[in-house]
Amino acid sequence: MSRTDEAKQIIEAVREGNFRITLHGGLRALERTLSNAEIQNIAHTLIEWKWQATKGTHLFIGWINANQGGGFVAKVENGVVIVTVFRRKLKAHQKARKS
């Protein structure tokens, strides 16, 4: 499967709520107070996607809500989408892509 196809699979799974948060990611999500719905919203409002070859993961950036940016790092392990989430201050060129 190509990296692009894998990224599409990840986005579709996250949009549908079919993902797992790693223990580290779960603790970080609690610290950052991100709900599953907010993680799904990032996937629905995707601004950027990048393959991180050195880490073997995909990086996705989008909107948590109307005013806040965020993202998640994801990979597929044994058919399961694993994510680690974060809040992120969006750059001017990213904000310009908001629809």
PDB file of N, CA and C in Angstrom:
ATOM      1  N   MET A   1       0.847  -1.175   0.000  1.00  0.00           N
ATOM      2  CA  MET A   1       0.000   0.000   0.000  1.00  0.00           C
ATOM      3  C   MET A   1       0.894   1.241   0.000  1.00  0.00           C
ATOM      4  N   SER A   2       0.565   2.211  -0.822  1.00  0.00           N
ATOM      5  CA  SER A   2       1.352   3.446  -0.881  1.00  0.00           C
ATOM      6  C   SER A   2       1.130   4.271   0.386  1.00  0.00           C
ATOM      7  N   ARG A   3       2.034   5.184   0.654  1.00  0.00           N
ATOM      8  CA  ARG A   3       1.895   6.074   1.826  1.00  0.00           C
ATOM      9  C   ARG A   3       0.633   6.919   1.709  1.00  0.00           C
ATOM     10  N   THR A   4       0.325   7.370   0.493  1.00  0.00           N
ATOM     11  CA  THR A   4      -0.884   8.167   0.286  1.00  0.00           C
ATOM     12  C   THR A   4      -2.132   7.346   0.569  1.00  0.00           C
ATOM     13  N   ASP A   5      -2.169   6.118   0.090  1.00  0.00           N
ATOM     14  CA  ASP A   5      -3.315   5.247   0.360  1.00  0.00           C
ATOM     15  C   ASP A   5      -3.446   4.951   1.846  1.00  0.00           C
ATOM     16  N   GLU A   6      -2.307   4.747   2.506  1.00  0.00           N
ATOM     17  CA  GLU A   6      -2.335   4.500   3.943  1.00  0.00           C
ATOM     18  C   GLU A   6      -2.859   5.732   4.677  1.00  0.00           C
ATOM     19  N   ALA A   7      -2.427   6.925   4.257  1.00  0.00           N
ATOM     20  CA  ALA A   7      -2.905   8.166   4.873  1.00  0.00           C
ATOM     21  C   ALA A   7      -4.412   8.307   4.694  1.00  0.00           C
ATOM     22  N   LYS A   8      -4.921   7.989   3.522  1.00  0.00           N
ATOM     23  CA  LYS A   8      -6.363   8.050   3.277  1.00  0.00           C
ATOM     24  C   LYS A   8      -7.104   7.073   4.184  1.00  0.00           C
ATOM     25  N   GLN A   9      -6.545   5.880   4.368  1.00  0.00           N
ATOM     26  CA  GLN A   9      -7.145   4.879   5.244  1.00  0.00           C
ATOM     27  C   GLN A   9      -7.196   5.395   6.685  1.00  0.00           C
ATOM     28  N   ILE A  10      -6.112   6.017   7.128  1.00  0.00           N
ATOM     29  CA  ILE A  10      -6.052   6.561   8.486  1.00  0.00           C
ATOM     30  C   ILE A  10      -7.095   7.652   8.669  1.00  0.00           C
ATOM     31  N   ILE A  11      -7.152   8.597   7.736  1.00  0.00           N
ATOM     32  CA  ILE A  11      -8.101   9.707   7.843  1.00  0.00           C
ATOM     33  C   ILE A  11      -9.538   9.188   7.898  1.00  0.00           C
ATOM     34  N   GLU A  12      -9.873   8.255   7.023  1.00  0.00           N
ATOM     35  CA  GLU A  12     -11.226   7.695   7.016  1.00  0.00           C
ATOM     36  C   GLU A  12     -11.544   7.011   8.341  1.00  0.00           C
ATOM     37  N   ALA A  13     -10.595   6.250   8.866  1.00  0.00           N
ATOM     38  CA  ALA A  13     -10.808   5.562  10.143  1.00  0.00           C
ATOM     39  C   ALA A  13     -11.009   6.557  11.283  1.00  0.00           C
ATOM     40  N   VAL A  14     -10.185   7.610  11.324  1.00  0.00           N
ATOM     41  CA  VAL A  14     -10.306   8.602  12.391  1.00  0.00           C
ATOM     42  C   VAL A  14     -11.616   9.367  12.260  1.00  0.00           C
ATOM     43  N   ARG A  15     -12.003   9.720  11.052  1.00  0.00           N
ATOM     44  CA  ARG A  15     -13.282  10.417  10.843  1.00  0.00           C
ATOM     45  C   ARG A  15     -14.452   9.600  11.377  1.00  0.00           C
ATOM     46  N   GLU A  16     -14.349   8.280  11.253  1.00  0.00           N
ATOM     47  CA  GLU A  16     -15.416   7.390  11.707  1.00  0.00           C
ATOM     48  C   GLU A  16     -15.268   7.003  13.181  1.00  0.00           C
ATOM     49  N   GLY A  17     -14.202   7.460  13.812  1.00  0.00           N
ATOM     50  CA  GLY A  17     -13.984   7.137  15.217  1.00  0.00           C
ATOM     51  C   GLY A  17     -13.338   5.784  15.431  1.00  0.00           C
ATOM     52  N   ASN A  18     -12.794   5.192  14.388  1.00  0.00           N
ATOM     53  CA  ASN A  18     -12.163   3.869  14.475  1.00  0.00           C
ATOM     54  C   ASN A  18     -10.660   4.013  14.667  1.00  0.00           C
ATOM     55  N   PHE A  19     -10.253   4.379  15.863  1.00  0.00           N
ATOM     56  CA  PHE A  19      -8.836   4.539  16.166  1.00  0.00           C
ATOM     57  C   PHE A  19      -8.604   4.246  17.639  1.00  0.00           C
ATOM     58  N   ARG A  20      -7.358   4.016  17.971  1.00  0.00           N
ATOM     59  CA  ARG A  20      -6.939   3.794  19.350  1.00  0.00           C
ATOM     60  C   ARG A  20      -5.904   4.855  19.690  1.00  0.00           C
ATOM     61  N   ILE A  21      -5.974   5.314  20.931  1.00  0.00           N
ATOM     62  CA  ILE A  21      -4.980   6.269  21.410  1.00  0.00           C
ATOM     63  C   ILE A  21      -3.969   5.485  22.225  1.00  0.00           C
ATOM     64  N   THR A  22      -2.691   5.678  21.956  1.00  0.00           N
ATOM     65  CA  THR A  22      -1.659   4.987  22.714  1.00  0.00           C
ATOM     66  C   THR A  22      -1.705   5.432  24.168  1.00  0.00           C
ATOM     67  N   LEU A  23      -1.135   4.633  25.054  1.00  0.00           N
ATOM     68  CA  LEU A  23      -1.085   5.009  26.464  1.00  0.00           C
ATOM     69  C   LEU A  23      -0.442   6.377  26.604  1.00  0.00           C
ATOM     70  N   HIS A  24       0.695   6.554  25.977  1.00  0.00           N
ATOM     71  CA  HIS A  24       1.356   7.864  25.994  1.00  0.00           C
ATOM     72  C   HIS A  24       0.418   8.915  25.410  1.00  0.00           C
ATOM     73  N   GLY A  25      -0.180   8.585  24.273  1.00  0.00           N
ATOM     74  CA  GLY A  25      -1.095   9.524  23.626  1.00  0.00           C
ATOM     75  C   GLY A  25      -2.316   9.798  24.485  1.00  0.00           C
ATOM     76  N   GLY A  26      -2.819   8.767  25.157  1.00  0.00           N
ATOM     77  CA  GLY A  26      -3.985   8.941  26.019  1.00  0.00           C
ATOM     78  C   GLY A  26      -3.689   9.877  27.176  1.00  0.00           C
ATOM     79  N   LEU A  27      -2.529   9.709  27.770  1.00  0.00           N
ATOM     80  CA  LEU A  27      -2.139  10.610  28.853  1.00  0.00           C
ATOM     81  C   LEU A  27      -1.975  12.026  28.332  1.00  0.00           C
ATOM     82  N   ARG A  28      -1.357  12.144  27.161  1.00  0.00           N
ATOM     83  CA  ARG A  28      -1.174  13.470  26.566  1.00  0.00           C
ATOM     84  C   ARG A  28      -2.520  14.080  26.189  1.00  0.00           C
ATOM     85  N   ALA A  29      -3.448  13.263  25.670  1.00  0.00           N
ATOM     86  CA  ALA A  29      -4.778  13.772  25.310  1.00  0.00           C
ATOM     87  C   ALA A  29      -5.486  14.301  26.546  1.00  0.00           C
ATOM     88  N   LEU A  30      -5.357  13.594  27.673  1.00  0.00           N
ATOM     89  CA  LEU A  30      -5.971  14.078  28.910  1.00  0.00           C
ATOM     90  C   LEU A  30      -5.338  15.384  29.350  1.00  0.00           C
ATOM     91  N   GLU A  31      -4.006  15.453  29.253  1.00  0.00           N
ATOM     92  CA  GLU A  31      -3.314  16.690  29.615  1.00  0.00           C
ATOM     93  C   GLU A  31      -3.750  17.832  28.713  1.00  0.00           C
ATOM     94  N   ARG A  32      -4.009  17.531  27.478  1.00  0.00           N
ATOM     95  CA  ARG A  32      -4.354  18.555  26.495  1.00  0.00           C
ATOM     96  C   ARG A  32      -5.863  18.681  26.345  1.00  0.00           C
ATOM     97  N   THR A  33      -6.607  17.942  27.123  1.00  0.00           N
ATOM     98  CA  THR A  33      -8.076  17.943  27.119  1.00  0.00           C
ATOM     99  C   THR A  33      -8.666  17.859  25.711  1.00  0.00           C
ATOM    100  N   LEU A  34      -8.232  16.859  24.959  1.00  0.00           N
ATOM    101  CA  LEU A  34      -8.788  16.613  23.630  1.00  0.00           C
ATOM    102  C   LEU A  34      -9.720  15.411  23.696  1.00  0.00           C
ATOM    103  N   SER A  35     -10.946  15.597  23.266  1.00  0.00           N
ATOM    104  CA  SER A  35     -11.907  14.502  23.240  1.00  0.00           C
ATOM    105  C   SER A  35     -11.793  13.734  21.924  1.00  0.00           C
ATOM    106  N   ASN A  36     -12.401  12.555  21.877  1.00  0.00           N
ATOM    107  CA  ASN A  36     -12.423  11.798  20.632  1.00  0.00           C
ATOM    108  C   ASN A  36     -13.101  12.607  19.527  1.00  0.00           C
ATOM    109  N   ALA A  37     -14.157  13.343  19.866  1.00  0.00           N
ATOM    110  CA  ALA A  37     -14.855  14.163  18.867  1.00  0.00           C
ATOM    111  C   ALA A  37     -13.933  15.243  18.304  1.00  0.00           C
ATOM    112  N   GLU A  38     -13.098  15.829  19.149  1.00  0.00           N
ATOM    113  CA  GLU A  38     -12.158  16.847  18.670  1.00  0.00           C
ATOM    114  C   GLU A  38     -11.088  16.227  17.771  1.00  0.00           C
ATOM    115  N   ILE A  39     -10.659  15.016  18.119  1.00  0.00           N
ATOM    116  CA  ILE A  39      -9.691  14.316  17.271  1.00  0.00           C
ATOM    117  C   ILE A  39     -10.321  14.029  15.913  1.00  0.00           C
ATOM    118  N   GLN A  40     -11.580  13.597  15.919  1.00  0.00           N
ATOM    119  CA  GLN A  40     -12.289  13.353  14.659  1.00  0.00           C
ATOM    120  C   GLN A  40     -12.430  14.644  13.864  1.00  0.00           C
ATOM    121  N   ASN A  41     -12.658  15.759  14.551  1.00  0.00           N
ATOM    122  CA  ASN A  41     -12.810  17.033  13.850  1.00  0.00           C
ATOM    123  C   ASN A  41     -11.527  17.432  13.133  1.00  0.00           C
ATOM    124  N   ILE A  42     -10.394  17.122  13.730  1.00  0.00           N
ATOM    125  CA  ILE A  42      -9.119  17.391  13.060  1.00  0.00           C
ATOM    126  C   ILE A  42      -9.091  16.666  11.715  1.00  0.00           C
ATOM    127  N   ALA A  43      -9.526  15.409  11.710  1.00  0.00           N
ATOM    128  CA  ALA A  43      -9.537  14.624  10.461  1.00  0.00           C
ATOM    129  C   ALA A  43     -10.516  15.191   9.441  1.00  0.00           C
ATOM    130  N   HIS A  44     -11.616  15.772   9.921  1.00  0.00           N
ATOM    131  CA  HIS A  44     -12.612  16.355   9.010  1.00  0.00           C
ATOM    132  C   HIS A  44     -12.172  17.704   8.453  1.00  0.00           C
ATOM    133  N   THR A  45     -11.265  18.379   9.138  1.00  0.00           N
ATOM    134  CA  THR A  45     -10.836  19.721   8.728  1.00  0.00           C
ATOM    135  C   THR A  45      -9.360  19.739   8.355  1.00  0.00           C
ATOM    136  N   LEU A  46      -8.886  18.671   7.804  1.00  0.00           N
ATOM    137  CA  LEU A  46      -7.473  18.481   7.502  1.00  0.00           C
ATOM    138  C   LEU A  46      -6.902  19.619   6.661  1.00  0.00           C
ATOM    139  N   ILE A  47      -5.794  20.174   7.128  1.00  0.00           N
ATOM    140  CA  ILE A  47      -5.083  21.241   6.420  1.00  0.00           C
ATOM    141  C   ILE A  47      -3.830  20.683   5.753  1.00  0.00           C
ATOM    142  N   GLU A  48      -3.088  19.882   6.501  1.00  0.00           N
ATOM    143  CA  GLU A  48      -1.823  19.344   5.993  1.00  0.00           C
ATOM    144  C   GLU A  48      -1.658  17.888   6.388  1.00  0.00           C
ATOM    145  N   TRP A  49      -0.930  17.187   5.550  1.00  0.00           N
ATOM    146  CA  TRP A  49      -0.523  15.810   5.831  1.00  0.00           C
ATOM    147  C   TRP A  49       0.923  15.665   5.393  1.00  0.00           C
ATOM    148  N   LYS A  50       1.701  14.948   6.204  1.00  0.00           N
ATOM    149  CA  LYS A  50       3.101  14.734   5.863  1.00  0.00           C
ATOM    150  C   LYS A  50       3.531  13.359   6.372  1.00  0.00           C
ATOM    151  N   TRP A  51       4.268  12.621   5.546  1.00  0.00           N
ATOM    152  CA  TRP A  51       4.879  11.370   5.960  1.00  0.00           C
ATOM    153  C   TRP A  51       6.184  11.697   6.676  1.00  0.00           C
ATOM    154  N   GLN A  52       6.375  11.140   7.858  1.00  0.00           N
ATOM    155  CA  GLN A  52       7.591  11.339   8.642  1.00  0.00           C
ATOM    156  C   GLN A  52       8.435  10.072   8.539  1.00  0.00           C
ATOM    157  N   ALA A  53       9.278  10.039   7.545  1.00  0.00           N
ATOM    158  CA  ALA A  53      10.045   8.830   7.235  1.00  0.00           C
ATOM    159  C   ALA A  53      10.911   8.371   8.402  1.00  0.00           C
ATOM    160  N   THR A  54      11.527   9.307   9.112  1.00  0.00           N
ATOM    161  CA  THR A  54      12.422   8.917  10.199  1.00  0.00           C
ATOM    162  C   THR A  54      11.683   8.256  11.356  1.00  0.00           C
ATOM    163  N   LYS A  55      10.391   8.585  11.503  1.00  0.00           N
ATOM    164  CA  LYS A  55       9.591   8.013  12.594  1.00  0.00           C
ATOM    165  C   LYS A  55       8.657   6.914  12.109  1.00  0.00           C
ATOM    166  N   GLY A  56       8.470   6.829  10.789  1.00  0.00           N
ATOM    167  CA  GLY A  56       7.553   5.831  10.247  1.00  0.00           C
ATOM    168  C   GLY A  56       6.101   6.126  10.571  1.00  0.00           C
ATOM    169  N   THR A  57       5.768   7.419  10.665  1.00  0.00           N
ATOM    170  CA  THR A  57       4.398   7.834  11.005  1.00  0.00           C
ATOM    171  C   THR A  57       3.905   8.916  10.053  1.00  0.00           C
ATOM    172  N   HIS A  58       2.597   9.121  10.069  1.00  0.00           N
ATOM    173  CA  HIS A  58       1.963  10.194   9.317  1.00  0.00           C
ATOM    174  C   HIS A  58       1.630  11.322  10.291  1.00  0.00           C
ATOM    175  N   LEU A  59       1.842  12.551   9.857  1.00  0.00           N
ATOM    176  CA  LEU A  59       1.492  13.733  10.645  1.00  0.00           C
ATOM    177  C   LEU A  59       0.318  14.418   9.962  1.00  0.00           C
ATOM    178  N   PHE A  60      -0.757  14.670  10.717  1.00  0.00           N
ATOM    179  CA  PHE A  60      -1.950  15.331  10.200  1.00  0.00           C
ATOM    180  C   PHE A  60      -2.225  16.581  11.032  1.00  0.00           C
ATOM    181  N   ILE A  61      -2.502  17.694  10.357  1.00  0.00           N
ATOM    182  CA  ILE A  61      -2.792  18.966  11.005  1.00  0.00           C
ATOM    183  C   ILE A  61      -4.171  19.435  10.545  1.00  0.00           C
ATOM    184  N   GLY A  62      -4.986  19.903  11.489  1.00  0.00           N
ATOM    185  CA  GLY A  62      -6.318  20.406  11.154  1.00  0.00           C
ATOM    186  C   GLY A  62      -6.830  21.295  12.276  1.00  0.00           C
ATOM    187  N   TRP A  63      -8.138  21.475  12.311  1.00  0.00           N
ATOM    188  CA  TRP A  63      -8.785  22.324  13.302  1.00  0.00           C
ATOM    189  C   TRP A  63      -9.451  21.475  14.374  1.00  0.00           C
ATOM    190  N   ILE A  64      -9.193  21.800  15.637  1.00  0.00           N
ATOM    191  CA  ILE A  64      -9.890  21.147  16.747  1.00  0.00           C
ATOM    192  C   ILE A  64     -11.306  21.701  16.814  1.00  0.00           C
ATOM    193  N   ASN A  65     -11.403  23.015  16.701  1.00  0.00           N
ATOM    194  CA  ASN A  65     -12.696  23.720  16.681  1.00  0.00           C
ATOM    195  C   ASN A  65     -12.499  24.992  15.859  1.00  0.00           C
ATOM    196  N   ALA A  66     -13.437  25.893  15.908  1.00  0.00           N
ATOM    197  CA  ALA A  66     -13.383  27.089  15.059  1.00  0.00           C
ATOM    198  C   ALA A  66     -12.185  27.989  15.352  1.00  0.00           C
ATOM    199  N   ASN A  67     -11.592  27.868  16.530  1.00  0.00           N
ATOM    200  CA  ASN A  67     -10.515  28.778  16.916  1.00  0.00           C
ATOM    201  C   ASN A  67      -9.176  28.125  17.200  1.00  0.00           C
ATOM    202  N   GLN A  68      -9.136  26.797  17.313  1.00  0.00           N
ATOM    203  CA  GLN A  68      -7.903  26.135  17.729  1.00  0.00           C
ATOM    204  C   GLN A  68      -7.452  25.085  16.734  1.00  0.00           C
ATOM    205  N   GLY A  69      -6.154  25.100  16.485  1.00  0.00           N
ATOM    206  CA  GLY A  69      -5.568  24.072  15.637  1.00  0.00           C
ATOM    207  C   GLY A  69      -5.040  22.921  16.460  1.00  0.00           C
ATOM    208  N   GLY A  70      -4.827  21.814  15.798  1.00  0.00           N
ATOM    209  CA  GLY A  70      -4.272  20.642  16.469  1.00  0.00           C
ATOM    210  C   GLY A  70      -3.881  19.618  15.441  1.00  0.00           C
ATOM    211  N   GLY A  71      -3.464  18.493  15.918  1.00  0.00           N
ATOM    212  CA  GLY A  71      -3.076  17.448  14.996  1.00  0.00           C
ATOM    213  C   GLY A  71      -2.916  16.121  15.688  1.00  0.00           C
ATOM    214  N   PHE A  72      -2.546  15.149  14.883  1.00  0.00           N
ATOM    215  CA  PHE A  72      -2.224  13.847  15.432  1.00  0.00           C
ATOM    216  C   PHE A  72      -1.198  13.162  14.547  1.00  0.00           C
ATOM    217  N   VAL A  73      -0.421  12.335  15.188  1.00  0.00           N
ATOM    218  CA  VAL A  73       0.539  11.478  14.516  1.00  0.00           C
ATOM    219  C   VAL A  73      -0.089  10.095  14.528  1.00  0.00           C
ATOM    220  N   ALA A  74      -0.021   9.393  13.395  1.00  0.00           N
ATOM    221  CA  ALA A  74      -0.692   8.098  13.319  1.00  0.00           C
ATOM    222  C   ALA A  74       0.109   7.081  12.529  1.00  0.00           C
ATOM    223  N   LYS A  75      -0.180   5.820  12.838  1.00  0.00           N
ATOM    224  CA  LYS A  75       0.355   4.701  12.066  1.00  0.00           C
ATOM    225  C   LYS A  75      -0.649   3.567  12.165  1.00  0.00           C
ATOM    226  N   VAL A  76      -0.515   2.610  11.282  1.00  0.00           N
ATOM    227  CA  VAL A  76      -1.379   1.438  11.298  1.00  0.00           C
ATOM    228  C   VAL A  76      -0.556   0.262  11.797  1.00  0.00           C
ATOM    229  N   GLU A  77      -1.043  -0.381  12.850  1.00  0.00           N
ATOM    230  CA  GLU A  77      -0.388  -1.567  13.403  1.00  0.00           C
ATOM    231  C   GLU A  77      -1.397  -2.698  13.446  1.00  0.00           C
ATOM    232  N   ASN A  78      -1.117  -3.778  12.739  1.00  0.00           N
ATOM    233  CA  ASN A  78      -2.012  -4.937  12.717  1.00  0.00           C
ATOM    234  C   ASN A  78      -3.449  -4.542  12.376  1.00  0.00           C
ATOM    235  N   GLY A  79      -3.585  -3.612  11.432  1.00  0.00           N
ATOM    236  CA  GLY A  79      -4.904  -3.187  10.978  1.00  0.00           C
ATOM    237  C   GLY A  79      -5.603  -2.182  11.874  1.00  0.00           C
ATOM    238  N   VAL A  80      -4.943  -1.742  12.944  1.00  0.00           N
ATOM    239  CA  VAL A  80      -5.530  -0.781  13.882  1.00  0.00           C
ATOM    240  C   VAL A  80      -4.816   0.555  13.727  1.00  0.00           C
ATOM    241  N   VAL A  81      -5.589   1.642  13.649  1.00  0.00           N
ATOM    242  CA  VAL A  81      -5.016   2.986  13.558  1.00  0.00           C
ATOM    243  C   VAL A  81      -4.684   3.464  14.967  1.00  0.00           C
ATOM    244  N   ILE A  82      -3.422   3.788  15.183  1.00  0.00           N
ATOM    245  CA  ILE A  82      -2.922   4.257  16.472  1.00  0.00           C
ATOM    246  C   ILE A  82      -2.578   5.735  16.327  1.00  0.00           C
ATOM    247  N   VAL A  83      -3.096   6.575  17.243  1.00  0.00           N
ATOM    248  CA  VAL A  83      -2.845   8.012  17.150  1.00  0.00           C
ATOM    249  C   VAL A  83      -2.270   8.568  18.449  1.00  0.00           C
ATOM    250  N   THR A  84      -1.487   9.616  18.310  1.00  0.00           N
ATOM    251  CA  THR A  84      -1.033  10.460  19.409  1.00  0.00           C
ATOM    252  C   THR A  84      -1.433  11.877  19.029  1.00  0.00           C
ATOM    253  N   VAL A  85      -2.094  12.592  19.928  1.00  0.00           N
ATOM    254  CA  VAL A  85      -2.693  13.883  19.583  1.00  0.00           C
ATOM    255  C   VAL A  85      -1.980  15.050  20.254  1.00  0.00           C
ATOM    256  N   PHE A  86      -2.200  16.241  19.697  1.00  0.00           N
ATOM    257  CA  PHE A  86      -1.610  17.444  20.268  1.00  0.00           C
ATOM    258  C   PHE A  86      -2.379  18.678  19.807  1.00  0.00           C
ATOM    259  N   ARG A  87      -2.304  19.717  20.610  1.00  0.00           N
ATOM    260  CA  ARG A  87      -2.794  21.031  20.198  1.00  0.00           C
ATOM    261  C   ARG A  87      -1.649  21.725  19.474  1.00  0.00           C
ATOM    262  N   ARG A  88      -2.007  22.637  18.585  1.00  0.00           N
ATOM    263  CA  ARG A  88      -0.954  23.308  17.816  1.00  0.00           C
ATOM    264  C   ARG A  88      -1.437  24.695  17.399  1.00  0.00           C
ATOM    265  N   LYS A  89      -0.592  25.675  17.611  1.00  0.00           N
ATOM    266  CA  LYS A  89      -0.880  27.010  17.102  1.00  0.00           C
ATOM    267  C   LYS A  89      -0.618  26.962  15.602  1.00  0.00           C
ATOM    268  N   LEU A  90      -1.646  27.260  14.823  1.00  0.00           N
ATOM    269  CA  LEU A  90      -1.505  27.182  13.369  1.00  0.00           C
ATOM    270  C   LEU A  90      -0.773  28.400  12.835  1.00  0.00           C
ATOM    271  N   LYS A  91      -0.001  28.170  11.790  1.00  0.00           N
ATOM    272  CA  LYS A  91       0.738  29.236  11.130  1.00  0.00           C
ATOM    273  C   LYS A  91      -0.215  30.006  10.206  1.00  0.00           C
ATOM    274  N   ALA A  92       0.171  31.201   9.824  1.00  0.00           N
ATOM    275  CA  ALA A  92      -0.686  32.059   8.991  1.00  0.00           C
ATOM    276  C   ALA A  92      -1.133  31.359   7.715  1.00  0.00           C
ATOM    277  N   HIS A  93      -0.223  30.661   7.021  1.00  0.00           N
ATOM    278  CA  HIS A  93      -0.597  30.005   5.766  1.00  0.00           C
ATOM    279  C   HIS A  93      -1.565  28.841   6.019  1.00  0.00           C
ATOM    280  N   GLN A  94      -1.501  28.239   7.205  1.00  0.00           N
ATOM    281  CA  GLN A  94      -2.443  27.167   7.533  1.00  0.00           C
ATOM    282  C   GLN A  94      -3.824  27.743   7.844  1.00  0.00           C
ATOM    283  N   LYS A  95      -3.845  28.865   8.571  1.00  0.00           N
ATOM    284  CA  LYS A  95      -5.127  29.513   8.888  1.00  0.00           C
ATOM    285  C   LYS A  95      -5.839  29.963   7.612  1.00  0.00           C
ATOM    286  N   ALA A  96      -5.063  30.377   6.616  1.00  0.00           N
ATOM    287  CA  ALA A  96      -5.637  30.842   5.347  1.00  0.00           C
ATOM    288  C   ALA A  96      -6.371  29.726   4.628  1.00  0.00           C
ATOM    289  N   ARG A  97      -6.042  28.473   4.914  1.00  0.00           N
ATOM    290  CA  ARG A  97      -6.691  27.330   4.259  1.00  0.00           C
ATOM    291  C   ARG A  97      -8.019  26.964   4.911  1.00  0.00           C
ATOM    292  N   LYS A  98      -8.350  27.606   6.007  1.00  0.00           N
ATOM    293  CA  LYS A  98      -9.599  27.289   6.703  1.00  0.00           C
ATOM    294  C   LYS A  98     -10.779  27.579   5.799  1.00  0.00           C
ATOM    295  N   SER A  99     -11.672  26.598   5.695  1.00  0.00           N
ATOM    296  CA  SER A  99     -12.842  26.798   4.818  1.00  0.00           C
ATOM    297  C   SER A  99     -14.028  27.304   5.602  1.00  0.00           C
TER     298      SER A  99
END
